[in-house]
Protein backbone atom coordinates (compact mmCIF):
# COMPACT_ATOMS: atom_id res chain seq x y z
CA MET A 1 4.31 -4.24 16.74
CA HIS A 2 4.75 -0.31 16.39
CA THR A 3 3.35 0.64 12.97
CA GLY A 4 4.74 3.62 11.24
CA ILE A 5 3.44 5.21 7.57
CA ARG A 6 0.69 3.17 6.51
CA GLY A 7 0.63 0.67 8.65
CA VAL A 8 4.55 -0.14 7.55
CA PRO A 9 6.66 -1.58 11.14
CA VAL A 10 8.16 0.85 12.22
CA ARG A 11 11.41 -1.70 12.34
CA LYS A 12 11.30 -1.90 8.31
CA ILE A 13 11.13 1.79 8.00
CA GLU A 14 13.94 1.49 10.05
CA LEU A 15 16.20 -0.69 8.49
CA SER A 16 14.83 0.46 5.19
CA ARG A 17 17.01 3.81 5.97
CA LEU A 18 19.88 2.04 6.94
CA GLY A 19 19.72 0.62 3.96
CA ARG A 20 19.30 3.25 2.08
CA ARG A 21 22.59 5.51 3.53
CA ILE A 22 24.77 2.08 3.32
CA ARG A 23 24.23 2.27 -0.57
CA ARG A 24 24.37 5.57 -0.98
CA ALA A 25 27.70 5.47 1.06
CA ARG A 26 28.79 2.49 -1.29
CA LYS A 27 28.23 4.53 -4.15
CA LEU A 28 29.78 7.61 -3.33
CA LEU A 29 33.37 5.02 -2.96
CA ASP A 30 32.40 4.10 -6.68
CA LEU A 31 32.06 0.45 -6.13
CA SER A 32 29.34 -1.79 -7.58
CA GLN A 33 27.14 -4.24 -5.21
CA GLU A 34 29.14 -7.06 -6.75
CA SER A 35 32.87 -5.36 -5.47
CA PHE A 36 31.56 -4.44 -1.93
CA ALA A 37 30.04 -7.20 -1.27
CA ALA A 38 33.45 -9.97 -1.96
CA GLN A 39 35.37 -7.11 -0.58
CA CYS A 40 33.21 -7.24 3.33
CA GLY A 41 32.90 -11.04 3.23
CA LEU A 42 29.49 -11.24 2.06
CA ASP A 43 27.30 -12.59 -0.55
CA ARG A 44 25.63 -10.19 -2.75
CA SER A 45 22.58 -11.02 -2.44
CA TYR A 46 22.68 -10.81 1.49
CA LEU A 47 24.29 -6.91 0.91
CA GLY A 48 21.10 -6.00 -1.67
CA GLY A 49 19.20 -7.28 1.03
CA VAL A 50 20.63 -5.06 4.16
CA GLU A 51 20.32 -2.01 0.84
CA ARG A 52 16.75 -3.01 0.64
CA GLY A 53 16.08 -3.32 4.18
CA ASP A 54 15.15 -6.60 4.02
CA ARG A 55 17.68 -7.80 6.04
CA ASN A 56 17.90 -6.62 10.03
CA VAL A 57 22.03 -7.34 9.81
CA THR A 58 23.84 -7.56 13.15
CA PHE A 59 26.33 -5.83 14.90
CA GLY A 60 29.41 -7.70 13.67
CA VAL A 61 28.01 -7.41 10.02
CA LEU A 62 27.27 -3.56 10.49
CA CYS A 63 31.14 -2.95 11.73
CA THR A 64 32.21 -5.28 9.00
CA ILE A 65 30.03 -3.22 6.56
CA CYS A 66 31.14 0.33 7.78
CA ASP A 67 34.64 -1.01 7.79
CA GLY A 68 34.55 -1.63 4.01
CA LEU A 69 32.67 2.05 4.10
CA ARG A 70 35.52 2.99 5.92
CA CYS A 71 33.00 4.78 8.47
CA ASP A 72 31.92 4.55 11.37
CA ILE A 73 28.90 2.95 12.89
CA ALA A 74 27.33 6.79 13.71
CA ALA A 75 27.94 7.92 10.40
CA VAL A 76 25.42 5.36 9.02
CA THR A 77 23.00 5.14 12.36
CA LYS A 78 22.69 8.90 13.13
CA GLY A 79 19.28 9.56 14.09
CA ILE A 80 17.91 5.76 13.52
CA PRO A 81 15.71 4.84 15.62
CA GLN A 82 13.70 8.01 14.40
CA LEU A 83 12.69 9.63 17.84
C-alpha cells in the first residue's frame, strides 16, 4: 500500500479529494446533504461518507452523483489520482 502525507494511504487522500469536490459542487447548487442524497436515491449518511472520503464509491454511484450535480465525471475526477 502506497502512503502519502504523514503516512496516510494514497487511496484515502484521493477519496478525500473526490469527496471535497462533490461537497463543493453540491453546496454551489445550494443543496443540503439530505435533499441531495434523496434526489440521488442515496442514504444521507452514505453521501456523508462519500464527501468525507470514507466511502470508495462505485462507478454507478459516481454517475448518479454527477447526474445530480449536473456535471460529467471528468469535472469531479480531473487530476485524481494525482500523478
